[in-house]
N, C-alpha and C. Protein backbone atom coordinates (compact mmCIF):
# COMPACT_ATOMS: atom_id res chain seq x y z
N MET A 1 -12.71 11.46 -0.03
CA MET A 1 -11.68 11.34 1.16
C MET A 1 -12.40 11.51 2.54
N PHE A 2 -11.93 10.62 3.33
CA PHE A 2 -12.56 10.60 4.70
C PHE A 2 -11.94 11.75 5.62
N PRO A 3 -12.76 12.51 6.32
CA PRO A 3 -12.26 13.45 7.02
C PRO A 3 -11.71 12.81 8.29
N HIS A 4 -10.53 13.48 8.81
CA HIS A 4 -9.79 12.99 10.07
C HIS A 4 -10.73 12.45 11.11
N ALA A 5 -11.91 13.25 11.52
CA ALA A 5 -12.86 12.76 12.33
C ALA A 5 -13.42 11.45 12.16
N PHE A 6 -13.51 10.88 10.98
CA PHE A 6 -13.99 9.68 10.55
C PHE A 6 -13.19 8.38 11.41
N PHE A 7 -11.97 8.72 11.39
CA PHE A 7 -11.11 7.76 12.15
C PHE A 7 -10.85 8.18 13.53
N ASP A 8 -11.24 9.17 14.10
CA ASP A 8 -10.95 9.61 15.36
C ASP A 8 -12.27 9.04 16.27
N ARG A 9 -12.52 7.80 16.01
CA ARG A 9 -13.52 7.08 16.76
C ARG A 9 -13.11 5.70 17.15
N ASP A 10 -13.63 4.93 17.98
CA ASP A 10 -13.31 3.67 18.32
C ASP A 10 -13.37 2.75 17.09
N ALA A 11 -12.50 1.76 16.97
CA ALA A 11 -12.31 0.99 15.81
C ALA A 11 -13.66 0.13 15.60
N VAL A 12 -14.33 -0.37 16.58
CA VAL A 12 -15.53 -1.06 16.51
C VAL A 12 -16.59 -0.36 15.80
N GLN A 13 -16.71 1.04 15.95
CA GLN A 13 -17.49 2.03 15.16
C GLN A 13 -17.12 2.05 13.76
N VAL A 14 -15.76 2.32 13.63
CA VAL A 14 -15.26 2.61 12.28
C VAL A 14 -15.27 1.42 11.36
N ALA A 15 -15.05 0.17 11.80
CA ALA A 15 -14.90 -1.06 11.10
C ALA A 15 -16.08 -1.32 10.17
N PRO A 16 -17.28 -1.30 10.69
CA PRO A 16 -18.39 -1.31 9.62
C PRO A 16 -18.71 -0.24 8.73
N ASP A 17 -18.32 0.91 9.22
CA ASP A 17 -18.58 2.00 8.33
C ASP A 17 -17.53 2.10 7.14
N LEU A 18 -16.49 1.41 7.21
CA LEU A 18 -15.56 1.28 6.10
C LEU A 18 -16.09 0.34 4.91
N LEU A 19 -17.18 -0.61 5.27
CA LEU A 19 -17.71 -1.42 4.37
C LEU A 19 -18.33 -0.76 3.14
N GLY A 20 -17.94 -1.03 2.04
CA GLY A 20 -18.54 -0.41 0.75
C GLY A 20 -17.71 0.89 0.42
N ALA A 21 -16.74 1.25 1.22
CA ALA A 21 -15.89 2.47 0.69
C ALA A 21 -15.02 1.94 -0.22
N ARG A 22 -14.41 2.80 -1.01
CA ARG A 22 -13.32 2.34 -2.03
C ARG A 22 -12.09 2.83 -1.72
N LEU A 23 -11.05 1.86 -1.66
CA LEU A 23 -9.70 1.96 -1.22
C LEU A 23 -8.89 1.77 -2.45
N LEU A 24 -8.13 2.71 -2.78
CA LEU A 24 -7.28 2.72 -3.83
C LEU A 24 -5.77 3.06 -3.34
N VAL A 25 -4.72 2.24 -3.69
CA VAL A 25 -3.34 2.51 -3.18
C VAL A 25 -2.66 2.75 -4.65
N ALA A 26 -2.11 3.92 -5.03
CA ALA A 26 -1.55 4.21 -6.18
C ALA A 26 -2.37 3.73 -7.50
N GLY A 27 -3.82 3.92 -7.39
CA GLY A 27 -4.77 3.77 -8.23
C GLY A 27 -5.05 2.33 -8.54
N VAL A 28 -4.61 1.45 -7.50
CA VAL A 28 -5.12 0.05 -7.39
C VAL A 28 -5.89 -0.25 -6.39
N GLY A 29 -6.99 -1.05 -6.48
CA GLY A 29 -7.88 -1.36 -5.33
C GLY A 29 -9.27 -1.66 -5.74
N GLY A 30 -10.09 -1.38 -4.70
CA GLY A 30 -11.69 -1.65 -5.02
C GLY A 30 -12.22 -1.48 -3.69
N LEU A 31 -13.60 -2.09 -3.61
CA LEU A 31 -14.46 -1.79 -2.46
C LEU A 31 -14.05 -2.61 -1.36
N ILE A 32 -14.04 -2.12 -0.08
CA ILE A 32 -13.70 -2.76 1.15
C ILE A 32 -15.02 -3.68 1.60
N VAL A 33 -14.82 -4.94 1.57
CA VAL A 33 -15.86 -5.90 1.94
C VAL A 33 -15.75 -6.71 3.21
N GLU A 34 -14.55 -6.41 3.81
CA GLU A 34 -14.54 -7.13 5.12
C GLU A 34 -13.38 -6.45 5.86
N THR A 35 -13.86 -6.29 7.22
CA THR A 35 -12.97 -5.59 8.24
C THR A 35 -12.87 -6.41 9.67
N GLU A 36 -11.95 -6.07 10.43
CA GLU A 36 -11.84 -6.51 11.82
C GLU A 36 -11.39 -5.41 12.76
N ALA A 37 -12.17 -5.35 13.84
CA ALA A 37 -11.69 -4.25 14.84
C ALA A 37 -11.06 -4.82 16.08
N TYR A 38 -9.91 -4.02 16.33
CA TYR A 38 -8.99 -4.26 17.49
C TYR A 38 -8.89 -3.09 18.36
N ARG A 39 -9.15 -3.26 19.69
CA ARG A 39 -9.09 -2.16 20.77
C ARG A 39 -7.91 -2.34 21.55
N PRO A 40 -7.36 -1.30 22.28
CA PRO A 40 -6.23 -1.42 23.10
C PRO A 40 -6.44 -2.35 24.39
N ASP A 41 -7.72 -2.55 24.81
CA ASP A 41 -7.96 -3.32 25.99
C ASP A 41 -8.20 -4.84 25.53
N ASP A 42 -8.08 -5.14 24.24
CA ASP A 42 -8.21 -6.45 23.63
C ASP A 42 -6.98 -7.18 23.65
N PRO A 43 -6.91 -8.17 24.33
CA PRO A 43 -5.65 -9.05 24.34
C PRO A 43 -5.10 -9.45 22.98
N ALA A 44 -5.90 -9.56 21.89
CA ALA A 44 -5.62 -9.80 20.47
C ALA A 44 -4.98 -8.58 19.81
N SER A 45 -5.18 -7.47 20.29
CA SER A 45 -4.71 -6.22 19.70
C SER A 45 -3.25 -6.01 19.95
N HIS A 46 -2.40 -5.58 18.91
CA HIS A 46 -0.99 -5.30 18.77
C HIS A 46 -0.79 -4.11 19.93
N SER A 47 -1.77 -3.36 20.28
CA SER A 47 -1.51 -2.16 21.20
C SER A 47 -1.73 -2.61 22.79
N PHE A 48 -2.32 -3.86 23.00
CA PHE A 48 -2.63 -4.21 24.25
C PHE A 48 -1.39 -4.02 25.29
N ARG A 49 -0.21 -4.38 24.92
CA ARG A 49 0.83 -4.24 25.84
C ARG A 49 1.59 -2.89 25.98
N GLY A 50 1.08 -2.00 25.06
CA GLY A 50 1.77 -0.54 24.99
C GLY A 50 2.51 -0.63 23.94
N PRO A 51 3.05 0.73 23.68
CA PRO A 51 3.90 0.96 22.38
C PRO A 51 5.17 0.22 22.36
N THR A 52 5.54 -0.12 21.15
CA THR A 52 6.83 -0.91 20.83
C THR A 52 7.17 -0.14 19.27
N PRO A 53 8.39 -0.52 19.11
CA PRO A 53 9.01 -0.06 17.75
C PRO A 53 8.04 -0.70 16.66
N ARG A 54 7.53 -1.77 16.94
CA ARG A 54 6.62 -2.53 15.84
C ARG A 54 5.32 -1.74 15.73
N ASN A 55 4.62 -1.52 16.85
CA ASN A 55 3.28 -1.05 16.79
C ASN A 55 3.09 0.43 16.99
N GLY A 56 4.31 1.28 16.91
CA GLY A 56 4.28 2.54 16.95
C GLY A 56 3.24 3.40 16.32
N ALA A 57 2.81 3.02 15.01
CA ALA A 57 1.84 3.68 14.22
C ALA A 57 0.51 3.74 15.03
N MET A 58 0.20 2.76 15.81
CA MET A 58 -1.05 2.70 16.61
C MET A 58 -1.30 3.74 17.58
N PHE A 59 -0.01 4.16 18.07
CA PHE A 59 -0.01 5.28 19.17
C PHE A 59 0.35 6.45 18.55
N ALA A 60 0.33 6.82 17.26
CA ALA A 60 0.60 8.06 16.70
C ALA A 60 -0.50 8.86 16.40
N GLY A 61 -1.79 8.40 16.52
CA GLY A 61 -2.95 9.03 16.20
C GLY A 61 -3.73 8.53 15.04
N PRO A 62 -5.04 8.91 15.02
CA PRO A 62 -5.88 8.23 14.01
C PRO A 62 -5.72 8.77 12.71
N GLY A 63 -6.00 7.90 11.54
CA GLY A 63 -6.03 8.52 10.32
C GLY A 63 -4.75 8.02 9.56
N ARG A 64 -3.86 7.21 10.19
CA ARG A 64 -2.74 6.72 9.56
C ARG A 64 -2.65 5.10 9.41
N VAL A 65 -1.81 4.66 8.66
CA VAL A 65 -1.70 3.13 8.43
C VAL A 65 -0.73 2.52 9.44
N TYR A 66 -1.12 1.43 9.84
CA TYR A 66 -0.33 0.57 10.52
C TYR A 66 -0.05 -0.87 9.71
N VAL A 67 1.05 -1.06 9.28
CA VAL A 67 1.29 -2.31 8.63
C VAL A 67 2.36 -3.12 9.34
N TYR A 68 2.04 -4.39 9.54
CA TYR A 68 2.94 -5.49 10.11
C TYR A 68 2.93 -6.62 9.27
N ARG A 69 3.95 -7.42 9.57
CA ARG A 69 3.95 -8.76 8.84
C ARG A 69 3.49 -9.87 9.77
N SER A 70 2.67 -10.59 9.26
CA SER A 70 1.95 -11.59 10.06
C SER A 70 2.67 -13.02 9.92
N TYR A 71 3.07 -13.61 10.95
CA TYR A 71 3.69 -14.82 11.06
C TYR A 71 5.22 -14.78 10.10
N GLY A 72 5.65 -13.58 10.12
CA GLY A 72 6.89 -13.32 9.18
C GLY A 72 6.62 -13.45 7.74
N ILE A 73 5.42 -13.67 7.32
CA ILE A 73 5.15 -14.07 5.89
C ILE A 73 4.44 -12.92 5.20
N HIS A 74 3.17 -12.53 5.70
CA HIS A 74 2.15 -11.73 4.96
C HIS A 74 2.22 -10.31 5.64
N TRP A 75 2.04 -9.23 4.85
CA TRP A 75 1.84 -8.00 5.35
C TRP A 75 0.31 -7.77 5.51
N CYS A 76 -0.13 -7.00 6.54
CA CYS A 76 -1.45 -6.78 6.91
C CYS A 76 -1.53 -5.24 7.11
N LEU A 77 -2.71 -4.76 6.51
CA LEU A 77 -2.97 -3.39 6.32
C LEU A 77 -4.05 -3.11 7.43
N ASN A 78 -3.78 -2.14 8.28
CA ASN A 78 -4.70 -1.59 9.43
C ASN A 78 -4.87 -0.17 9.27
N PHE A 79 -6.14 0.49 9.52
CA PHE A 79 -6.34 1.89 9.72
C PHE A 79 -6.38 2.14 11.16
N VAL A 80 -5.55 3.02 11.57
CA VAL A 80 -5.49 3.49 13.06
C VAL A 80 -6.68 4.37 13.30
N CYS A 81 -7.24 4.03 14.62
CA CYS A 81 -8.30 4.94 14.90
C CYS A 81 -8.25 5.42 16.25
N ALA A 82 -9.14 5.89 16.92
CA ALA A 82 -8.89 6.67 18.13
C ALA A 82 -8.40 5.77 19.42
N GLY A 83 -7.50 6.25 20.28
CA GLY A 83 -7.21 5.64 21.45
C GLY A 83 -6.30 4.31 21.11
N ALA A 84 -5.56 4.18 20.10
CA ALA A 84 -4.67 3.30 19.82
C ALA A 84 -5.52 1.94 19.25
N SER A 85 -6.80 2.18 18.90
CA SER A 85 -7.44 1.19 18.26
C SER A 85 -7.22 1.16 16.64
N ALA A 86 -7.56 -0.10 16.08
CA ALA A 86 -7.36 -0.07 14.58
C ALA A 86 -8.24 -1.14 13.92
N VAL A 87 -8.41 -0.87 12.73
CA VAL A 87 -9.28 -1.70 11.97
C VAL A 87 -8.37 -2.41 10.87
N LEU A 88 -8.38 -3.81 10.86
CA LEU A 88 -7.61 -4.72 9.91
C LEU A 88 -8.70 -4.67 8.74
N ILE A 89 -7.94 -4.37 7.55
CA ILE A 89 -8.75 -4.55 6.23
C ILE A 89 -8.47 -5.99 5.81
N ARG A 90 -9.55 -6.78 5.80
CA ARG A 90 -9.44 -8.32 5.66
C ARG A 90 -9.66 -8.55 4.00
N ALA A 91 -10.55 -7.79 3.27
CA ALA A 91 -10.76 -8.24 2.00
C ALA A 91 -11.29 -7.06 1.26
N ILE A 92 -11.06 -7.00 -0.02
CA ILE A 92 -11.61 -5.89 -0.94
C ILE A 92 -12.17 -6.54 -2.25
N GLU A 93 -13.19 -6.08 -2.68
CA GLU A 93 -13.56 -6.49 -4.24
C GLU A 93 -12.88 -5.59 -5.16
N PRO A 94 -11.92 -6.33 -6.04
CA PRO A 94 -11.10 -5.49 -6.85
C PRO A 94 -11.97 -4.98 -7.85
N SER A 95 -11.54 -3.69 -8.49
CA SER A 95 -12.09 -2.91 -9.42
C SER A 95 -11.18 -1.90 -10.36
N HIS A 96 -10.15 -1.66 -9.69
CA HIS A 96 -9.24 -0.77 -10.39
C HIS A 96 -7.74 -1.46 -10.22
N GLY A 97 -7.14 -1.39 -11.49
CA GLY A 97 -5.84 -1.98 -11.66
C GLY A 97 -5.75 -3.56 -11.38
N ILE A 98 -6.76 -4.15 -11.99
CA ILE A 98 -6.79 -5.74 -11.79
C ILE A 98 -5.67 -6.27 -12.57
N GLU A 99 -5.22 -5.77 -13.69
CA GLU A 99 -4.03 -6.34 -14.40
C GLU A 99 -2.73 -6.35 -13.36
N SER A 100 -2.56 -5.12 -12.87
CA SER A 100 -1.39 -5.09 -11.77
C SER A 100 -1.57 -6.00 -10.71
N MET A 101 -2.90 -6.21 -10.19
CA MET A 101 -3.01 -7.03 -8.90
C MET A 101 -2.61 -8.70 -9.42
N ARG A 102 -3.10 -8.85 -10.66
CA ARG A 102 -2.81 -10.15 -11.26
C ARG A 102 -1.27 -10.50 -11.39
N GLU A 103 -0.56 -9.50 -11.76
CA GLU A 103 0.90 -9.63 -11.98
C GLU A 103 1.48 -9.82 -10.63
N ARG A 104 1.07 -9.02 -9.68
CA ARG A 104 1.86 -9.08 -8.39
C ARG A 104 1.46 -10.41 -7.70
N ARG A 105 0.25 -10.96 -8.02
CA ARG A 105 -0.24 -12.08 -7.22
C ARG A 105 -0.04 -13.38 -7.98
N GLY A 106 0.42 -13.32 -9.54
CA GLY A 106 0.61 -14.54 -10.23
C GLY A 106 -0.51 -15.34 -10.41
N LEU A 107 -1.80 -14.59 -10.27
CA LEU A 107 -3.05 -15.51 -10.69
C LEU A 107 -3.96 -14.89 -11.51
N ASP A 108 -5.04 -15.29 -12.01
CA ASP A 108 -6.04 -14.78 -12.89
C ASP A 108 -7.35 -14.63 -11.96
N ASN A 109 -7.65 -15.41 -11.14
CA ASN A 109 -8.92 -15.36 -10.44
C ASN A 109 -9.19 -14.23 -9.69
N VAL A 110 -10.10 -13.28 -10.16
CA VAL A 110 -10.23 -12.05 -9.53
C VAL A 110 -10.85 -12.20 -8.20
N ARG A 111 -11.57 -13.09 -8.05
CA ARG A 111 -12.20 -13.42 -6.59
C ARG A 111 -11.02 -13.66 -5.62
N ALA A 112 -9.96 -14.33 -5.99
CA ALA A 112 -9.00 -14.78 -5.08
C ALA A 112 -7.77 -13.71 -4.86
N LEU A 113 -7.94 -12.56 -5.63
CA LEU A 113 -6.69 -11.57 -5.58
C LEU A 113 -6.68 -10.86 -4.20
N CYS A 114 -7.73 -10.61 -3.56
CA CYS A 114 -7.76 -9.71 -2.40
C CYS A 114 -8.53 -10.24 -1.21
N SER A 115 -8.86 -11.53 -1.24
CA SER A 115 -9.61 -12.21 -0.20
C SER A 115 -8.96 -12.64 0.83
N GLY A 116 -8.38 -11.82 1.60
CA GLY A 116 -7.63 -12.10 2.81
C GLY A 116 -6.47 -10.89 2.85
N PRO A 117 -6.19 -10.59 4.18
CA PRO A 117 -5.31 -9.50 4.55
C PRO A 117 -3.98 -9.51 3.84
N GLY A 118 -3.30 -10.81 3.82
CA GLY A 118 -2.04 -10.93 3.07
C GLY A 118 -2.34 -10.78 1.67
N LYS A 119 -3.16 -11.42 1.07
CA LYS A 119 -3.43 -11.38 -0.33
C LYS A 119 -3.64 -10.01 -0.89
N LEU A 120 -4.51 -9.16 -0.07
CA LEU A 120 -4.81 -7.89 -0.45
C LEU A 120 -3.52 -6.98 -0.53
N CYS A 121 -2.73 -7.07 0.57
CA CYS A 121 -1.50 -6.40 0.60
C CYS A 121 -0.57 -6.80 -0.61
N ALA A 122 -0.40 -8.05 -0.94
CA ALA A 122 0.31 -8.35 -2.24
C ALA A 122 -0.29 -7.70 -3.41
N ALA A 123 -1.52 -7.79 -3.53
CA ALA A 123 -2.39 -7.29 -4.69
C ALA A 123 -2.16 -5.69 -4.89
N LEU A 124 -2.12 -5.12 -3.64
CA LEU A 124 -2.03 -3.69 -3.80
C LEU A 124 -0.54 -3.02 -3.70
N GLY A 125 0.32 -4.16 -3.45
CA GLY A 125 1.63 -3.71 -3.31
C GLY A 125 2.01 -2.90 -2.09
N VAL A 126 1.32 -3.28 -1.02
CA VAL A 126 1.49 -2.65 0.34
C VAL A 126 2.56 -3.56 1.10
N ASP A 127 3.51 -2.90 1.75
CA ASP A 127 4.66 -3.55 2.45
C ASP A 127 4.86 -2.65 3.67
N GLY A 128 5.97 -3.03 4.37
CA GLY A 128 6.18 -2.29 5.60
C GLY A 128 6.73 -0.83 5.24
N ASP A 129 7.17 -0.56 4.07
CA ASP A 129 7.37 0.86 3.89
C ASP A 129 6.05 1.90 3.99
N PHE A 130 4.81 1.35 3.99
CA PHE A 130 3.70 2.10 4.16
C PHE A 130 3.32 2.43 5.55
N ASP A 131 3.96 1.61 6.53
CA ASP A 131 3.59 1.84 7.77
C ASP A 131 3.93 3.34 8.30
N HIS A 132 3.02 3.97 9.10
CA HIS A 132 3.02 5.21 9.66
C HIS A 132 2.36 6.38 8.56
N ARG A 133 2.23 5.73 7.37
CA ARG A 133 1.73 6.88 6.39
C ARG A 133 0.29 7.33 6.75
N MET A 134 0.00 8.47 6.27
CA MET A 134 -1.31 9.17 6.56
C MET A 134 -2.28 8.61 5.52
N LEU A 135 -3.53 8.39 5.78
CA LEU A 135 -4.54 7.93 4.77
C LEU A 135 -5.11 9.01 4.07
N ASP A 136 -4.84 10.08 4.35
CA ASP A 136 -5.42 11.20 3.57
C ASP A 136 -4.26 11.89 2.51
N ALA A 137 -3.31 11.07 2.18
CA ALA A 137 -2.26 11.58 1.28
C ALA A 137 -1.88 10.36 0.25
N PRO A 138 -1.36 10.77 -0.83
CA PRO A 138 -1.03 9.59 -1.76
C PRO A 138 0.08 8.88 -1.14
N PRO A 139 -0.04 7.46 -1.36
CA PRO A 139 -0.65 6.91 -2.65
C PRO A 139 -2.05 6.36 -2.24
N PHE A 140 -2.51 6.72 -0.94
CA PHE A 140 -4.02 6.35 -0.76
C PHE A 140 -5.05 7.31 -1.24
N ALA A 141 -6.18 6.65 -1.66
CA ALA A 141 -7.30 7.47 -2.10
C ALA A 141 -8.55 6.85 -1.57
N PHE A 142 -9.46 7.46 -0.96
CA PHE A 142 -10.73 6.79 -0.68
C PHE A 142 -11.93 7.52 -1.29
N THR A 143 -12.94 6.70 -1.47
CA THR A 143 -14.22 7.30 -1.86
C THR A 143 -15.30 6.67 -0.86
N GLU A 144 -15.90 7.70 -0.16
CA GLU A 144 -16.93 7.20 0.87
C GLU A 144 -17.97 6.32 0.13
N ARG A 145 -18.42 5.49 0.87
CA ARG A 145 -19.56 4.60 0.44
C ARG A 145 -20.70 5.48 0.08
N PRO A 146 -21.47 5.07 -1.09
CA PRO A 146 -22.86 6.11 -1.29
C PRO A 146 -23.83 5.67 -0.27
N SER A 147 -23.98 4.53 0.21
CA SER A 147 -24.92 4.18 1.20
C SER A 147 -24.49 2.93 1.89
N PRO A 148 -24.98 2.63 3.17
CA PRO A 148 -24.67 1.41 3.96
C PRO A 148 -24.94 0.20 3.11
N PRO A 149 -24.04 -0.69 3.08
CA PRO A 149 -24.49 -1.96 2.51
C PRO A 149 -25.17 -2.96 3.67
N PRO A 150 -25.75 -3.94 3.25
CA PRO A 150 -26.19 -4.99 4.24
C PRO A 150 -24.93 -5.51 4.81
N ILE A 151 -24.83 -5.60 6.24
CA ILE A 151 -23.54 -6.01 6.97
C ILE A 151 -24.00 -7.21 7.78
N ILE A 152 -22.98 -8.12 7.73
CA ILE A 152 -23.01 -9.30 8.56
C ILE A 152 -21.85 -9.18 9.66
N THR A 153 -22.09 -9.85 10.76
CA THR A 153 -20.96 -9.84 11.80
C THR A 153 -20.58 -11.12 12.21
N GLY A 154 -19.43 -11.23 12.78
CA GLY A 154 -19.12 -12.62 13.10
C GLY A 154 -17.71 -12.63 14.05
N PRO A 155 -17.33 -13.65 14.60
CA PRO A 155 -16.07 -13.60 15.30
C PRO A 155 -14.87 -13.42 14.45
N ARG A 156 -13.83 -12.92 14.92
CA ARG A 156 -12.65 -12.50 14.17
C ARG A 156 -12.02 -13.98 13.93
N ILE A 157 -11.13 -13.95 12.89
CA ILE A 157 -10.37 -14.99 12.41
C ILE A 157 -8.81 -15.18 12.67
N GLY A 158 -8.27 -16.27 12.89
CA GLY A 158 -6.98 -16.37 13.04
C GLY A 158 -6.37 -15.88 14.28
N ILE A 159 -6.90 -15.71 15.41
CA ILE A 159 -6.59 -15.29 16.56
C ILE A 159 -7.02 -16.26 17.86
N SER A 160 -6.31 -16.33 18.81
CA SER A 160 -6.60 -17.28 19.89
C SER A 160 -7.14 -16.46 21.08
N LYS A 161 -6.86 -15.35 21.25
CA LYS A 161 -7.35 -14.42 22.42
C LYS A 161 -8.56 -13.58 21.93
N ALA A 162 -9.54 -13.59 22.75
CA ALA A 162 -10.84 -12.78 22.48
C ALA A 162 -11.44 -13.05 21.17
N ALA A 163 -11.27 -14.42 20.80
CA ALA A 163 -11.83 -14.66 19.47
C ALA A 163 -13.33 -14.74 19.48
N ASP A 164 -14.03 -14.82 20.33
CA ASP A 164 -15.52 -14.80 20.59
C ASP A 164 -16.27 -13.43 20.34
N LEU A 165 -15.44 -12.35 20.40
CA LEU A 165 -15.84 -10.90 20.14
C LEU A 165 -16.44 -10.96 18.66
N LEU A 166 -17.57 -10.39 18.48
CA LEU A 166 -18.09 -10.41 17.15
C LEU A 166 -17.74 -8.90 16.49
N TRP A 167 -16.38 -8.89 16.35
CA TRP A 167 -15.89 -7.59 15.74
C TRP A 167 -15.18 -7.88 14.22
N ARG A 168 -15.74 -8.88 13.59
CA ARG A 168 -15.39 -9.12 12.21
C ARG A 168 -16.62 -8.52 11.50
N PHE A 169 -16.61 -7.73 10.50
CA PHE A 169 -17.60 -7.23 9.65
C PHE A 169 -17.43 -7.34 8.15
N GLY A 170 -18.44 -7.78 7.49
CA GLY A 170 -18.46 -8.01 6.06
C GLY A 170 -19.69 -7.63 5.29
N ILE A 171 -19.74 -7.45 4.03
CA ILE A 171 -20.86 -7.12 3.45
C ILE A 171 -21.56 -8.38 3.10
N ALA A 172 -22.83 -8.50 3.48
CA ALA A 172 -23.50 -9.76 3.29
C ALA A 172 -23.63 -10.10 1.85
N GLY A 173 -23.46 -11.42 1.59
CA GLY A 173 -23.44 -11.92 0.18
C GLY A 173 -22.32 -11.59 -0.79
N SER A 174 -21.26 -10.93 -0.21
CA SER A 174 -20.11 -10.69 -0.99
C SER A 174 -19.50 -11.97 -1.50
N ALA A 175 -18.97 -11.95 -2.71
CA ALA A 175 -18.24 -13.24 -3.15
C ALA A 175 -16.69 -13.17 -2.72
N PHE A 176 -16.32 -11.89 -2.30
CA PHE A 176 -14.93 -11.62 -2.24
C PHE A 176 -14.50 -11.67 -0.83
N LEU A 177 -15.14 -12.14 0.32
CA LEU A 177 -14.81 -12.22 1.56
C LEU A 177 -13.76 -13.33 1.73
N SER A 178 -12.95 -13.16 2.84
CA SER A 178 -11.79 -14.07 3.03
C SER A 178 -12.24 -15.44 3.33
N ARG A 179 -13.27 -15.54 4.15
CA ARG A 179 -14.08 -16.66 4.47
C ARG A 179 -15.56 -16.35 4.76
N PRO A 180 -16.36 -17.37 4.57
CA PRO A 180 -17.80 -17.18 4.79
C PRO A 180 -17.94 -17.00 6.37
N PHE A 181 -19.03 -16.21 6.58
CA PHE A 181 -19.41 -15.99 8.07
C PHE A 181 -20.01 -17.16 8.72
N PRO A 182 -20.11 -17.45 9.85
CA PRO A 182 -20.82 -18.47 10.51
C PRO A 182 -22.29 -18.03 10.38
N ARG A 183 -23.11 -19.33 10.12
CA ARG A 183 -24.58 -19.04 9.99
C ARG A 183 -24.86 -19.00 11.47
N ARG A 184 -26.15 -18.17 11.39
CA ARG A 184 -26.68 -18.04 12.77
C ARG A 184 -28.01 -18.48 12.78
């Protein structure tokens, strides 16, 4: 389990440190392989314009979950960090509860189960009811990574503001990323 101090840092510091950690929701999940960071001074962040009923979890302190619906379709899972910053969990490598994930997603391809923020929420059964929950309490469980994996960085995906910031982080060579990183 991560200590509260782990999340009481800027999201740009936390995001790469989450890579290789194990995330389980009610026993279903796997290794975090891709993340994106968002700061409150970042125009792409939901906290940029201040607190609202939708983004209230981002202002309630680190170590909790912020869940929102993207484009009215897909749920997105974020971990709240210091100062109303947050880390979007973009992809995981499934390892626990794969049959449950397959049933929830209606497909067999393990690589496609959690290779994107909406896909992983569907596979893990995460929806708006998880918003504001603390990460150090059930149904969440974390195992810290045993050692830092090789990390690649790149621009964030699916945003139009501050898209040039290199705040997308992934495990180099992972087959479970939402999209390949640009070659440099």
